[in-house]
Structures are given as C-alpha cells and as structure tokens.
N, C-alpha and C. Protein backbone atom coordinates (compact mmCIF):
# COMPACT_ATOMS: atom_id res chain seq x y z
N MET A 1 84.53 26.74 147.24
CA MET A 1 84.78 27.50 148.73
C MET A 1 84.03 26.47 149.60
N LYS A 2 84.80 26.20 150.70
CA LYS A 2 84.32 25.08 151.94
C LYS A 2 83.28 25.76 152.78
N ALA A 3 82.33 24.80 153.17
CA ALA A 3 81.69 25.45 154.44
C ALA A 3 81.88 25.98 155.18
N HIS A 4 83.46 25.65 155.90
CA HIS A 4 83.52 26.06 157.02
C HIS A 4 84.56 27.27 156.96
N GLN A 5 85.12 28.02 155.58
CA GLN A 5 86.28 28.67 155.28
C GLN A 5 85.62 30.01 156.04
N GLY A 6 86.91 30.33 157.25
CA GLY A 6 86.50 31.56 157.65
C GLY A 6 86.31 31.70 159.14
N VAL A 7 85.91 30.10 159.65
CA VAL A 7 85.25 29.98 160.58
C VAL A 7 87.06 29.31 161.51
N ARG A 8 87.55 29.95 162.54
CA ARG A 8 88.37 29.82 162.84
C ARG A 8 88.33 29.26 164.67
N LEU A 9 89.53 28.36 164.37
CA LEU A 9 89.24 26.95 166.08
C LEU A 9 90.65 27.07 166.50
N LEU A 10 90.23 27.29 167.82
CA LEU A 10 91.61 26.72 168.84
C LEU A 10 91.37 25.40 169.30
N LEU A 11 92.65 24.19 168.80
CA LEU A 11 92.12 23.20 169.81
C LEU A 11 93.56 23.27 170.71
N VAL A 12 93.01 22.84 171.92
CA VAL A 12 93.77 22.73 173.14
C VAL A 12 93.96 21.90 173.99
N ASP A 13 94.63 21.00 173.78
CA ASP A 13 95.12 19.33 174.64
C ASP A 13 96.65 19.56 174.51
N ASP A 14 96.77 18.68 175.66
CA ASP A 14 98.52 17.99 175.93
C ASP A 14 98.70 17.00 175.34
N GLU A 15 97.64 16.33 174.63
CA GLU A 15 98.16 14.92 173.86
C GLU A 15 98.53 15.13 172.40
N PRO A 16 99.79 14.95 172.01
CA PRO A 16 99.89 15.52 170.69
C PRO A 16 99.64 14.75 169.26
N HIS A 17 99.00 13.31 169.54
CA HIS A 17 98.39 12.30 168.37
C HIS A 17 96.72 12.91 168.53
N ILE A 18 96.23 13.64 170.15
CA ILE A 18 94.92 13.87 169.31
C ILE A 18 95.19 15.40 169.12
N LEU A 19 95.44 15.95 169.19
CA LEU A 19 96.05 17.35 168.71
C LEU A 19 96.21 17.30 166.83
N GLN A 20 97.05 16.57 166.76
CA GLN A 20 97.59 16.06 165.02
C GLN A 20 95.84 15.90 164.56
N PHE A 21 95.13 14.77 164.88
CA PHE A 21 93.93 14.06 164.54
C PHE A 21 93.13 14.96 164.47
N LEU A 22 92.90 15.67 165.22
CA LEU A 22 91.81 17.14 165.26
C LEU A 22 91.84 17.91 164.15
N GLU A 23 93.21 18.39 164.57
CA GLU A 23 93.56 19.37 163.71
C GLU A 23 93.50 19.01 161.94
N LEU A 24 93.93 17.83 161.87
CA LEU A 24 93.97 17.72 160.52
C LEU A 24 92.60 17.52 159.93
N GLY A 25 91.65 16.68 160.66
CA GLY A 25 90.36 16.19 160.50
C GLY A 25 89.61 17.68 160.33
N LEU A 26 89.62 19.15 161.08
CA LEU A 26 89.22 19.57 161.09
C LEU A 26 89.63 20.95 159.93
N ILE A 27 91.30 20.79 159.30
CA ILE A 27 91.54 21.67 158.31
C ILE A 27 90.97 21.24 156.93
N ASN A 28 90.51 19.85 157.08
CA ASN A 28 89.85 19.18 156.12
C ASN A 28 88.77 19.53 155.70
N GLU A 29 87.84 19.75 156.60
CA GLU A 29 86.59 20.37 157.00
C GLU A 29 86.28 21.88 156.35
N GLY A 30 87.45 22.64 156.10
CA GLY A 30 87.64 23.98 156.09
C GLY A 30 87.82 25.32 156.95
N PHE A 31 88.17 24.57 158.36
CA PHE A 31 88.27 25.39 159.50
C PHE A 31 89.56 25.62 158.62
N ASP A 32 89.58 27.33 159.71
CA ASP A 32 91.10 27.79 160.38
C ASP A 32 91.44 26.71 161.59
N VAL A 33 92.68 26.42 161.77
CA VAL A 33 92.32 25.61 162.97
C VAL A 33 93.47 26.20 163.43
N ARG A 34 94.15 26.65 164.74
CA ARG A 34 95.57 26.73 165.46
C ARG A 34 95.39 25.89 166.98
N THR A 35 96.69 25.57 167.22
CA THR A 35 96.62 24.21 168.45
C THR A 35 97.46 24.88 169.49
N ALA A 36 97.32 24.56 170.37
CA ALA A 36 98.20 25.03 171.63
C ALA A 36 98.04 23.76 172.75
N PRO A 37 99.26 23.40 173.34
CA PRO A 37 99.61 22.08 174.08
C PRO A 37 99.03 22.19 175.39
N ASP A 38 98.59 23.53 176.10
CA ASP A 38 98.59 23.56 177.53
C ASP A 38 97.91 25.05 177.29
N GLY A 39 97.35 25.37 178.73
CA GLY A 39 96.77 26.50 178.92
C GLY A 39 97.14 27.75 178.62
N LEU A 40 98.67 28.16 178.83
CA LEU A 40 99.31 29.64 178.57
C LEU A 40 99.52 29.85 177.65
N SER A 41 100.12 28.21 176.72
CA SER A 41 100.35 28.86 175.26
C SER A 41 98.64 29.41 174.32
N ALA A 42 97.65 28.50 175.04
CA ALA A 42 96.21 28.69 174.13
C ALA A 42 95.88 30.48 174.87
N LEU A 43 96.21 30.80 176.11
CA LEU A 43 96.01 32.33 176.32
C LEU A 43 96.61 33.30 175.03
N ALA A 44 97.95 32.88 174.75
CA ALA A 44 98.76 33.79 173.91
C ALA A 44 97.95 33.53 172.45
N VAL A 45 97.68 32.56 172.11
CA VAL A 45 97.40 32.15 170.28
C VAL A 45 96.43 33.14 170.22
N ALA A 46 95.12 32.44 171.20
CA ALA A 46 93.72 33.18 171.19
C ALA A 46 93.84 34.50 171.33
N ASP A 47 94.65 35.32 171.59
CA ASP A 47 94.85 36.95 171.97
C ASP A 47 95.07 37.73 170.88
N GLU A 48 96.09 36.65 169.69
CA GLU A 48 96.48 36.74 169.20
C GLU A 48 95.22 36.07 167.38
N PHE A 49 95.13 35.28 167.62
CA PHE A 49 94.09 34.70 166.75
C PHE A 49 92.29 35.10 166.72
N LYS A 50 92.03 35.39 168.07
CA LYS A 50 90.36 35.20 167.92
C LYS A 50 90.01 34.40 167.43
N PRO A 51 89.43 33.56 168.11
CA PRO A 51 89.03 32.49 167.66
C PRO A 51 87.70 32.31 168.08
N HIS A 52 86.80 31.67 167.07
CA HIS A 52 85.27 31.37 167.00
C HIS A 52 84.85 30.30 168.07
N VAL A 53 85.61 29.67 168.18
CA VAL A 53 85.48 28.73 168.89
C VAL A 53 86.40 27.76 169.90
N ALA A 54 86.64 27.49 170.89
CA ALA A 54 88.04 27.11 171.27
C ALA A 54 87.48 25.68 171.93
N ILE A 55 88.09 24.39 171.35
CA ILE A 55 88.03 23.32 172.03
C ILE A 55 89.00 23.06 173.27
N LEU A 56 88.75 22.86 174.57
CA LEU A 56 89.81 22.81 175.77
C LEU A 56 89.85 21.62 176.44
N ASP A 57 90.93 21.10 176.41
CA ASP A 57 90.85 19.88 177.60
C ASP A 57 90.66 20.41 179.15
N ILE A 58 90.35 19.40 179.45
CA ILE A 58 90.25 19.97 181.19
C ILE A 58 91.74 19.94 181.20
N MET A 59 91.82 18.53 181.78
CA MET A 59 92.97 18.10 182.60
C MET A 59 94.74 18.04 181.60
N MET A 60 95.87 19.82 181.98
CA MET A 60 96.59 19.76 181.35
C MET A 60 97.28 20.39 182.34
N PRO A 61 98.84 20.20 182.34
CA PRO A 61 99.87 20.93 183.06
C PRO A 61 99.89 22.27 183.53
N GLY A 62 99.87 23.09 184.34
CA GLY A 62 99.81 24.16 184.71
C GLY A 62 98.63 24.66 184.60
N MET A 63 97.92 25.43 183.85
CA MET A 63 96.85 26.55 183.75
C MET A 63 96.25 24.89 183.12
N ASN A 64 94.39 24.71 183.79
CA ASN A 64 93.81 23.51 182.77
C ASN A 64 92.84 24.22 182.56
N GLY A 65 91.75 23.67 181.81
CA GLY A 65 90.84 24.15 180.66
C GLY A 65 89.84 24.78 181.32
N PHE A 66 89.94 24.79 182.72
CA PHE A 66 88.89 24.99 183.71
C PHE A 66 89.25 26.79 183.67
N GLU A 67 90.67 26.97 184.01
CA GLU A 67 91.50 28.38 184.20
C GLU A 67 91.10 28.91 182.87
N VAL A 68 91.66 28.29 181.77
CA VAL A 68 91.44 28.76 180.35
C VAL A 68 90.30 29.38 179.94
N CYS A 69 88.92 28.51 180.11
CA CYS A 69 87.52 29.10 180.22
C CYS A 69 87.42 30.33 181.09
N ARG A 70 87.51 30.38 181.96
CA ARG A 70 87.20 30.99 183.04
C ARG A 70 87.70 32.74 182.69
N HIS A 71 89.17 32.15 182.10
CA HIS A 71 90.24 33.78 181.56
C HIS A 71 89.42 34.11 180.43
N PHE A 72 88.77 33.61 179.61
CA PHE A 72 87.77 33.70 178.25
C PHE A 72 86.75 35.04 178.95
N ARG A 73 85.99 34.15 180.01
CA ARG A 73 84.79 34.66 180.28
C ARG A 73 85.24 36.10 181.01
N ASN A 74 86.03 36.28 181.91
CA ASN A 74 86.62 36.98 182.54
C ASN A 74 86.91 38.17 181.55
N GLU A 75 87.26 38.08 180.37
CA GLU A 75 87.73 38.95 179.32
C GLU A 75 86.63 39.74 178.06
N GLU A 76 85.58 38.76 178.63
CA GLU A 76 84.14 38.74 177.91
C GLU A 76 84.79 38.88 176.69
N ALA A 77 85.24 37.56 175.91
CA ALA A 77 86.07 36.98 174.70
C ALA A 77 84.95 36.70 174.21
N GLU A 78 84.51 36.87 172.65
CA GLU A 78 83.09 35.94 171.95
C GLU A 78 83.96 35.35 171.51
N VAL A 79 83.75 34.06 172.25
CA VAL A 79 84.04 32.57 172.04
C VAL A 79 83.46 31.47 172.06
N ALA A 80 83.47 30.84 171.63
CA ALA A 80 82.13 29.50 172.17
C ALA A 80 83.18 28.35 172.87
N VAL A 81 83.29 27.84 173.81
CA VAL A 81 84.22 27.12 174.51
C VAL A 81 83.29 25.66 174.34
N ILE A 82 83.91 24.61 174.08
CA ILE A 82 83.51 23.08 174.26
C ILE A 82 84.72 22.43 174.91
N MET A 83 84.11 21.92 176.06
CA MET A 83 85.45 21.34 177.35
C MET A 83 85.45 19.49 176.66
N LEU A 84 86.58 19.68 176.98
CA LEU A 84 86.81 17.99 177.00
C LEU A 84 87.56 17.54 177.93
N THR A 85 87.12 16.08 178.50
CA THR A 85 87.43 15.32 179.34
C THR A 85 87.60 13.90 179.41
N ALA A 86 88.60 13.24 179.84
CA ALA A 86 88.50 11.75 180.11
C ALA A 86 87.61 11.09 180.66
N LYS A 87 87.30 12.06 181.91
CA LYS A 87 86.16 11.21 183.02
C LYS A 87 84.94 11.74 182.65
N ASP A 88 83.83 10.72 182.95
CA ASP A 88 82.50 11.52 182.62
C ASP A 88 81.71 11.62 183.77
N GLU A 89 82.05 12.78 184.48
CA GLU A 89 81.76 12.94 186.07
C GLU A 89 81.30 14.31 186.03
N ILE A 90 80.04 14.02 186.79
CA ILE A 90 78.91 15.10 187.22
C ILE A 90 79.35 16.41 187.61
N ASN A 91 80.17 16.23 188.16
CA ASN A 91 81.20 17.50 189.03
C ASN A 91 81.82 18.17 187.71
N ASP A 92 82.48 17.57 187.06
CA ASP A 92 83.37 17.96 186.29
C ASP A 92 82.73 19.02 184.97
N ARG A 93 81.44 18.65 185.12
CA ARG A 93 80.48 18.75 184.38
C ARG A 93 79.27 19.93 184.49
N VAL A 94 79.00 19.81 185.74
CA VAL A 94 78.59 21.26 186.27
C VAL A 94 79.64 22.58 186.26
N LYS A 95 81.08 22.11 186.94
CA LYS A 95 81.86 23.25 186.58
C LYS A 95 82.20 24.18 185.76
N GLY A 96 82.28 22.59 184.77
CA GLY A 96 82.91 23.80 183.21
C GLY A 96 81.76 24.43 182.84
N LEU A 97 80.16 24.17 182.98
CA LEU A 97 79.50 24.81 182.52
C LEU A 97 78.54 25.95 183.52
N SER A 98 79.20 25.89 184.74
CA SER A 98 78.98 26.88 185.76
C SER A 98 79.90 28.45 185.28
N ILE A 99 81.22 28.00 185.03
CA ILE A 99 82.26 29.01 184.78
C ILE A 99 81.85 29.49 183.38
N GLY A 100 81.13 29.08 182.65
CA GLY A 100 80.77 29.72 181.12
C GLY A 100 81.13 28.65 179.81
N ALA A 101 81.39 27.26 180.20
CA ALA A 101 81.80 26.61 178.85
C ALA A 101 80.17 26.43 178.50
N ASP A 102 80.02 26.49 177.14
CA ASP A 102 79.02 26.48 175.89
C ASP A 102 78.63 24.47 175.91
N ASP A 103 79.65 24.16 175.99
CA ASP A 103 79.14 21.87 175.74
C ASP A 103 80.55 21.66 176.45
N TYR A 104 80.43 20.44 176.42
CA TYR A 104 81.02 19.40 177.04
C TYR A 104 80.90 17.99 176.39
N MET A 105 82.06 17.69 176.07
CA MET A 105 82.30 16.17 175.33
C MET A 105 83.51 15.14 176.44
N VAL A 106 82.80 13.97 176.20
CA VAL A 106 84.02 12.91 177.23
C VAL A 106 84.54 12.57 176.17
N LYS A 107 85.79 12.19 176.32
CA LYS A 107 86.70 11.33 175.54
C LYS A 107 86.56 10.07 176.27
N PRO A 108 86.43 8.46 174.98
CA PRO A 108 86.99 9.04 173.86
C PRO A 108 85.69 9.61 172.68
N PHE A 109 85.59 10.01 171.80
CA PHE A 109 84.54 10.40 171.35
C PHE A 109 84.59 10.66 169.71
N SER A 110 83.87 10.56 168.94
CA SER A 110 84.13 10.46 167.43
C SER A 110 83.68 11.92 166.78
N PHE A 111 84.67 11.68 165.68
CA PHE A 111 84.76 13.08 164.98
C PHE A 111 83.75 13.88 164.52
N ASP A 112 82.75 12.77 163.86
CA ASP A 112 81.72 13.76 163.46
C ASP A 112 80.94 13.83 164.84
N GLU A 113 80.55 13.26 165.84
CA GLU A 113 80.07 14.25 166.87
C GLU A 113 80.71 15.71 167.59
N LEU A 114 82.34 15.44 167.41
CA LEU A 114 82.72 16.84 167.74
C LEU A 114 82.04 18.08 166.44
N LEU A 115 82.38 17.47 165.46
CA LEU A 115 82.04 18.37 164.30
C LEU A 115 80.71 18.95 164.35
N ALA A 116 79.99 18.05 164.99
CA ALA A 116 77.79 18.55 164.97
C ALA A 116 77.95 19.36 166.20
N ARG A 117 79.14 19.14 167.01
CA ARG A 117 78.72 20.09 168.47
C ARG A 117 79.13 21.41 167.94
N ILE A 118 80.26 21.10 167.16
CA ILE A 118 81.00 22.55 166.99
C ILE A 118 79.99 23.33 165.87
N GLN A 119 79.38 22.53 164.79
CA GLN A 119 78.29 23.39 163.88
C GLN A 119 76.92 24.02 165.12
N ALA A 120 76.99 23.28 165.96
CA ALA A 120 75.88 23.40 166.79
C ALA A 120 75.97 25.05 167.56
N ARG A 121 77.43 24.97 168.58
CA ARG A 121 77.64 26.34 168.40
C ARG A 121 77.75 28.02 167.49
N LEU A 122 78.30 27.33 166.00
CA LEU A 122 78.45 28.41 165.32
C LEU A 122 76.90 28.78 164.90
N ARG A 123 75.88 27.83 164.99
CA ARG A 123 74.65 28.16 164.31
C ARG A 123 73.89 29.29 165.31
N ASN A 124 74.49 28.62 166.91
CA ASN A 124 73.50 29.65 168.20
C ASN A 124 74.35 30.76 168.32
N GLN A 125 75.89 31.11 167.87
CA GLN A 125 76.26 31.93 168.58
C GLN A 125 77.28 33.08 167.24
N PHE A 126 77.49 32.34 166.21
CA PHE A 126 78.13 33.13 165.43
C PHE A 126 77.43 32.29 163.70
N PRO A 127 75.91 32.75 163.71
CA PRO A 127 75.02 32.18 162.75
C PRO A 127 75.50 32.81 161.15
N GLY A 128 76.00 34.07 161.28
CA GLY A 128 76.79 34.56 159.84
C GLY A 128 77.34 34.05 159.22
N LEU A 129 78.28 33.25 160.41
CA LEU A 129 79.49 32.51 159.67
C LEU A 129 79.29 31.52 158.57
N LEU A 130 78.20 30.42 158.93
CA LEU A 130 77.57 29.66 157.93
C LEU A 130 77.20 30.19 156.86
N GLY A 131 76.29 31.00 156.26
CA GLY A 131 75.63 31.13 155.22
C GLY A 131 74.33 30.64 155.58
N GLU A 132 74.26 29.74 154.83
CA GLU A 132 73.20 28.99 154.60
C GLU A 132 73.41 27.58 155.85
N VAL A 133 72.28 27.06 156.35
CA VAL A 133 72.27 25.71 157.36
C VAL A 133 71.10 25.60 156.90
N ARG A 134 71.32 23.84 156.68
CA ARG A 134 70.32 22.79 156.16
C ARG A 134 70.27 22.09 158.02
N CYS A 135 68.56 21.96 157.92
CA CYS A 135 68.41 21.04 158.83
C CYS A 135 66.90 20.25 158.13
N GLY A 136 67.67 19.00 157.64
CA GLY A 136 66.30 18.39 157.44
C GLY A 136 65.56 18.66 156.56
N PRO A 137 64.17 19.19 156.46
CA PRO A 137 63.91 20.07 154.68
C PRO A 137 63.67 21.67 154.76
N PHE A 138 64.34 22.03 156.54
CA PHE A 138 64.64 23.31 156.45
C PHE A 138 66.10 23.94 155.82
N VAL A 139 65.94 25.70 155.65
CA VAL A 139 67.05 25.84 154.81
C VAL A 139 67.25 27.24 155.63
N ILE A 140 68.41 27.50 156.81
CA ILE A 140 68.75 28.78 157.27
C ILE A 140 69.22 29.94 156.66
N ASP A 141 69.51 30.74 155.45
CA ASP A 141 69.72 31.88 155.18
C ASP A 141 69.96 32.90 156.13
N SER A 142 71.01 33.38 156.94
CA SER A 142 71.05 34.12 157.98
C SER A 142 71.32 35.56 157.39
N ARG A 143 71.94 35.46 155.76
CA ARG A 143 72.31 36.32 155.49
C ARG A 143 71.01 37.22 155.11
N ARG A 144 70.35 36.74 154.44
CA ARG A 144 69.12 36.90 153.39
C ARG A 144 67.73 36.96 154.47
N LYS A 145 68.24 36.99 156.04
CA LYS A 145 66.99 36.14 156.76
C LYS A 145 66.04 35.70 156.49
N GLU A 146 66.36 34.53 155.16
CA GLU A 146 65.02 33.71 154.90
C GLU A 146 65.22 32.37 155.64
N ILE A 147 64.05 31.35 155.79
CA ILE A 147 63.97 30.32 155.82
C ILE A 147 63.17 29.71 154.87
N ARG A 148 63.79 28.60 154.34
CA ARG A 148 63.12 27.68 153.10
C ARG A 148 62.89 26.44 154.00
N PHE A 149 61.73 26.29 153.43
CA PHE A 149 60.80 24.98 153.98
C PHE A 149 60.79 23.75 152.40
N LYS A 150 61.35 22.80 152.55
CA LYS A 150 60.91 22.27 151.63
C LYS A 150 61.43 22.85 149.78
N GLU A 151 62.70 23.38 150.14
CA GLU A 151 62.82 24.66 148.70
C GLU A 151 61.84 25.55 148.95
N THR A 152 61.27 25.85 149.51
CA THR A 152 60.08 27.06 149.13
C THR A 152 60.49 27.81 150.80
N VAL A 153 60.95 29.60 149.89
CA VAL A 153 61.19 30.37 151.13
C VAL A 153 59.78 30.65 151.70
N LEU A 154 59.59 30.78 152.96
CA LEU A 154 58.74 30.95 153.69
C LEU A 154 58.64 32.51 153.95
N GLU A 155 56.96 33.19 153.68
CA GLU A 155 57.08 34.49 154.26
C GLU A 155 56.70 34.88 155.72
N LEU A 156 57.84 34.99 156.55
CA LEU A 156 57.53 35.24 157.54
C LEU A 156 58.21 36.30 158.02
N SER A 157 57.47 37.19 159.32
CA SER A 157 57.63 38.42 159.84
C SER A 157 58.78 38.07 160.61
N PRO A 158 59.23 39.47 160.75
CA PRO A 158 60.89 39.26 161.55
C PRO A 158 60.66 38.50 162.86
N THR A 159 60.00 38.39 163.82
CA THR A 159 59.62 37.82 164.79
C THR A 159 59.68 36.05 164.78
N GLU A 160 58.53 36.03 163.42
CA GLU A 160 58.04 34.55 163.09
C GLU A 160 59.82 33.52 162.50
N TYR A 161 60.48 34.66 161.93
CA TYR A 161 61.90 34.56 161.64
C TYR A 161 62.76 33.87 162.93
N GLU A 162 62.49 34.99 163.55
CA GLU A 162 63.61 34.14 164.75
C GLU A 162 62.80 33.28 165.27
N LEU A 163 61.71 33.15 165.93
CA LEU A 163 61.26 32.07 166.71
C LEU A 163 61.42 30.74 166.06
N LEU A 164 61.12 31.01 164.29
CA LEU A 164 61.07 29.41 163.86
C LEU A 164 63.10 29.14 163.42
N GLN A 165 63.83 30.43 163.24
CA GLN A 165 65.07 29.68 163.37
C GLN A 165 65.70 29.16 164.61
N HIS A 166 65.12 29.86 165.88
CA HIS A 166 65.71 29.16 167.22
C HIS A 166 64.96 27.87 167.26
N MET A 167 63.74 27.33 167.01
CA MET A 167 63.54 26.03 167.29
C MET A 167 64.11 25.02 165.85
N VAL A 168 64.35 25.67 165.07
CA VAL A 168 65.41 24.85 163.66
C VAL A 168 66.49 24.46 164.32
N ILE A 169 67.15 25.44 164.80
CA ILE A 169 68.46 25.32 165.28
C ILE A 169 68.47 24.36 166.92
N ASN A 170 67.56 24.39 167.58
CA ASN A 170 67.02 23.16 168.71
C ASN A 170 66.45 22.34 168.00
N HIS A 171 66.28 22.00 166.95
CA HIS A 171 65.05 20.86 166.69
C HIS A 171 65.62 19.29 167.60
N GLY A 172 64.42 18.94 167.87
CA GLY A 172 64.51 17.67 168.84
C GLY A 172 64.89 18.25 170.32
N LEU A 173 65.04 19.24 170.84
CA LEU A 173 64.68 19.89 172.56
C LEU A 173 63.63 20.31 172.65
N VAL A 174 63.07 20.37 173.81
CA VAL A 174 62.06 20.74 174.35
C VAL A 174 62.39 22.27 174.64
N LEU A 175 61.48 23.19 174.30
CA LEU A 175 61.61 24.69 174.56
C LEU A 175 60.82 25.17 175.34
N SER A 176 60.77 26.07 176.48
CA SER A 176 59.63 26.23 177.23
C SER A 176 59.47 27.69 176.83
N LYS A 177 58.18 27.86 177.36
CA LYS A 177 57.52 28.99 176.73
C LYS A 177 58.81 30.41 177.10
N PRO A 178 59.27 30.33 178.70
CA PRO A 178 59.65 31.32 178.91
C PRO A 178 61.03 31.38 178.52
N MET A 179 61.45 30.06 177.93
CA MET A 179 62.45 30.09 177.16
C MET A 179 63.13 30.89 175.92
N ILE A 180 61.69 30.42 175.38
CA ILE A 180 61.12 31.40 173.78
C ILE A 180 61.51 32.69 174.10
N LEU A 181 60.35 32.91 175.21
CA LEU A 181 60.57 34.37 175.10
C LEU A 181 61.60 34.90 175.49
N ASP A 182 62.46 34.56 176.36
CA ASP A 182 63.56 34.90 176.85
C ASP A 182 64.87 35.16 175.51
N LYS A 183 64.44 34.76 174.45
CA LYS A 183 65.26 33.90 173.43
C LYS A 183 65.02 35.00 172.53
N VAL A 184 63.82 34.91 172.00
CA VAL A 184 63.24 35.52 171.14
C VAL A 184 62.50 37.23 171.09
N TRP A 185 61.89 37.29 172.37
CA TRP A 185 61.34 38.71 172.82
C TRP A 185 62.34 39.04 173.25
N GLY A 186 63.38 38.58 174.05
CA GLY A 186 64.46 39.44 175.07
C GLY A 186 63.29 39.40 176.55
N TYR A 187 64.70 39.69 177.47
CA TYR A 187 64.42 38.72 178.79
C TYR A 187 63.68 40.13 179.25
N ASP A 188 63.50 41.57 178.74
CA ASP A 188 62.94 42.83 179.28
C ASP A 188 60.98 42.58 179.01
N PHE A 189 61.02 41.57 178.08
CA PHE A 189 59.45 41.84 177.33
C PHE A 189 58.76 41.48 178.59
N GLY A 190 57.57 42.25 178.42
CA GLY A 190 56.93 42.77 179.38
C GLY A 190 55.14 42.08 179.40
N GLY A 191 54.95 41.22 178.25
CA GLY A 191 53.65 40.77 177.66
C GLY A 191 53.42 39.40 178.77
N GLU A 192 52.41 38.61 177.69
CA GLU A 192 51.94 37.42 177.84
C GLU A 192 52.82 36.53 177.42
N GLU A 193 53.05 35.30 178.01
CA GLU A 193 53.47 34.09 177.43
C GLU A 193 52.40 33.64 176.79
N ASN A 194 51.27 33.67 176.30
CA ASN A 194 50.37 33.88 175.27
C ASN A 194 51.06 33.60 174.01
N ILE A 195 51.47 35.42 174.00
CA ILE A 195 52.20 35.18 172.47
C ILE A 195 52.72 34.53 171.88
N VAL A 196 53.20 33.26 172.65
CA VAL A 196 53.91 32.45 172.08
C VAL A 196 53.14 31.66 171.30
N GLU A 197 51.79 30.75 172.18
CA GLU A 197 51.01 30.40 170.92
C GLU A 197 50.53 30.90 170.20
N VAL A 198 50.17 32.12 169.66
CA VAL A 198 49.51 32.88 168.90
C VAL A 198 50.85 32.31 166.97
N TYR A 199 52.02 32.40 167.74
CA TYR A 199 53.06 32.61 167.00
C TYR A 199 53.45 31.31 166.42
N ILE A 200 53.30 30.29 167.49
CA ILE A 200 53.57 29.27 166.84
C ILE A 200 52.18 28.64 166.16
N ARG A 201 51.15 29.02 166.14
CA ARG A 201 50.04 28.44 165.26
C ARG A 201 50.29 29.20 164.70
N SER A 202 50.73 30.30 163.78
CA SER A 202 51.59 30.98 162.84
C SER A 202 51.95 30.45 162.07
N LEU A 203 53.36 29.48 162.78
CA LEU A 203 54.12 29.06 162.03
C LEU A 203 53.55 27.87 161.55
N ARG A 204 52.49 26.93 162.30
CA ARG A 204 52.09 25.95 161.87
C ARG A 204 51.10 26.20 160.79
N GLU A 205 50.54 27.02 160.41
CA GLU A 205 49.74 27.42 159.33
C GLU A 205 50.95 27.47 157.93
N LYS A 206 51.92 28.02 158.21
CA LYS A 206 52.38 28.43 156.93
C LYS A 206 53.14 27.23 156.52
N LEU A 207 53.54 26.38 157.70
CA LEU A 207 54.47 24.92 157.62
C LEU A 207 53.11 24.01 156.91
N GLY A 208 52.04 24.13 156.64
CA GLY A 208 51.20 23.26 156.52
C GLY A 208 50.83 22.00 157.42
N ASP A 209 51.32 22.47 158.88
CA ASP A 209 51.31 21.45 159.66
C ASP A 209 49.89 21.21 160.60
N LYS A 210 49.18 21.22 160.31
CA LYS A 210 47.69 20.82 160.36
C LYS A 210 47.88 19.47 161.74
N GLU A 211 48.41 18.76 161.52
CA GLU A 211 48.63 17.51 162.35
C GLU A 211 49.45 17.98 163.43
N HIS A 212 50.41 18.78 163.84
CA HIS A 212 51.48 19.58 164.28
C HIS A 212 52.46 18.20 164.74
N ARG A 213 52.84 17.20 163.45
CA ARG A 213 54.24 16.20 163.48
C ARG A 213 55.69 17.38 163.16
N ILE A 214 55.30 18.56 163.31
CA ILE A 214 56.46 19.23 162.93
C ILE A 214 57.18 20.27 164.00
N ILE A 215 56.02 20.85 164.41
CA ILE A 215 56.07 21.55 165.99
C ILE A 215 55.27 21.04 166.73
N ARG A 216 55.69 20.25 167.80
CA ARG A 216 54.99 19.56 168.63
C ARG A 216 54.77 20.17 170.34
N THR A 217 53.94 19.87 171.05
CA THR A 217 53.39 20.84 172.04
C THR A 217 53.22 19.63 172.54
N LEU A 218 54.25 19.84 173.59
CA LEU A 218 54.17 18.69 175.09
C LEU A 218 53.90 19.93 176.34
N ARG A 219 52.48 19.00 176.55
CA ARG A 219 51.68 19.85 177.74
C ARG A 219 52.58 20.01 178.75
N GLY A 220 52.31 20.83 179.46
CA GLY A 220 53.14 21.45 180.97
C GLY A 220 54.68 21.58 180.39
N ALA A 221 55.08 21.44 179.43
CA ALA A 221 56.72 21.63 179.10
C ALA A 221 56.96 22.26 177.98
N GLY A 222 56.42 22.94 176.92
CA GLY A 222 56.54 23.35 175.99
C GLY A 222 56.44 22.89 174.46
N TYR A 223 57.41 23.27 173.77
CA TYR A 223 57.39 23.00 171.93
C TYR A 223 58.57 22.25 171.41
N ARG A 224 58.21 21.28 170.99
CA ARG A 224 59.42 20.26 170.28
C ARG A 224 59.35 20.77 168.84
N LEU A 225 60.57 21.10 167.95
CA LEU A 225 60.52 21.29 166.41
C LEU A 225 61.11 19.58 165.76
N ASP A 226 60.18 19.14 165.23
CA ASP A 226 60.92 17.94 165.05
C ASP A 226 61.31 18.14 163.26
N LEU A 227 62.27 17.07 162.69
CA LEU A 227 62.39 17.45 161.50
C LEU A 227 62.17 16.07 160.72
N ILE A 228 61.11 16.32 159.93
CA ILE A 228 60.08 14.87 159.49
C ILE A 228 60.49 14.81 158.12
C-alpha cells in the first residue's frame, strides 16, 4: 500500500503539459488525482470528487484560481488549497492567503517541493490520512495518538501529545505562546500563557533535551523545534 493511497488531489491549470507532468508524478506517489483545465471545470469536478487538496493555478481564462478558492471557502469545503502562479508578486500572495488559500508556490518549482507542501497540508489538516508521519527522529502515529522518538514511544498526556505533534509538524518554525495556546488549548482558553512553559519543560524532560537542542527558546519570540 502506497503512503498516499486514499488521498484525493485536484489539479487545476490551463497548461496541458504542466497538468500531465504533475498528474503522472502524483499518481506515482499513490495519490488519487483528478485534473481540470479551468475554474468552472474545477468546481464541477470538486463537487463530485471532494478533494482533500486542490492545487490551483491563479491565471486561467474565465474563472481564475482566486475565484475558485473563494468559492471553496464560501461553501466551507474541507479542502486544503495551494495556489500556483508564474509571478512572484507580493500582492498575489497576500490576496490568495486573505481569501483562504493555505499555501502559495511560484512557477517554476520542483516536484519535490510541491510534494513536501502537499504533505505539510495533509499533516496539518488531515493527519489521519497519513497514518504514520516521520519527521527526522520523530514518528507521529495519529491513529494510535502516539509519538515515537528515536523508535521509543513517549509517555505523553493528551495535551503533551497535541503540543509535541504541533511542534514536530511545524519544525523549524518559530511558534509564539499565543499561537501555541490557540492551536493546542483553543482560542477560548482563559488561563495564563505560562502554562506553555510548564508543558515545554515536561516535553524536554521526556525527550532528554537537557541542553534545549531539540526545543529551543527564542527570547521574546517563542519556541522552535529542530530535528537533530
């Protein structure tokens, strides 16, 4: 069984050679792939196919990628959206993200980068589809709600599991305390930010991270998990 079997991807681009290249590569990775040459066709396919991830070119005749993304969000469709554009313009990026896109890539890009972006979206929005996700010395088993570190299962409370999972998935990124509280404890959490420090300290103990080389503190900014 391939790692991505059961994951549905929708590719939307008006350039046939790009569609064919990406479709063949992603099918080879085990994804279930559908394609569309324009925005209107994409909506028809998505309505029946119910993709987990939609990869949308911005510049298309008729309905463009922005309009397709906006339609998905208006319909509250559970789909991760990655926007593609041939222009590295900040305005396009800001507009795409402001209407609900989850990520943004500039053409030309490597297939490996696109694959990594897709996997990142799945880990964040559909973690159960991937079963086990390996990130360096960590393995997240979302079905068992377990995290292994260097092949040893960590004894984690439910909150510790959620926190460590969030940090591993977002490894290399600086996560502020408010960001962590919102994601792990929920936006309506009424406690103190210092609760994050307590749980970080506990995770470091369980990881044997005495020198803080795995979970680093960046003063005034937050925390960053590094894969050592």
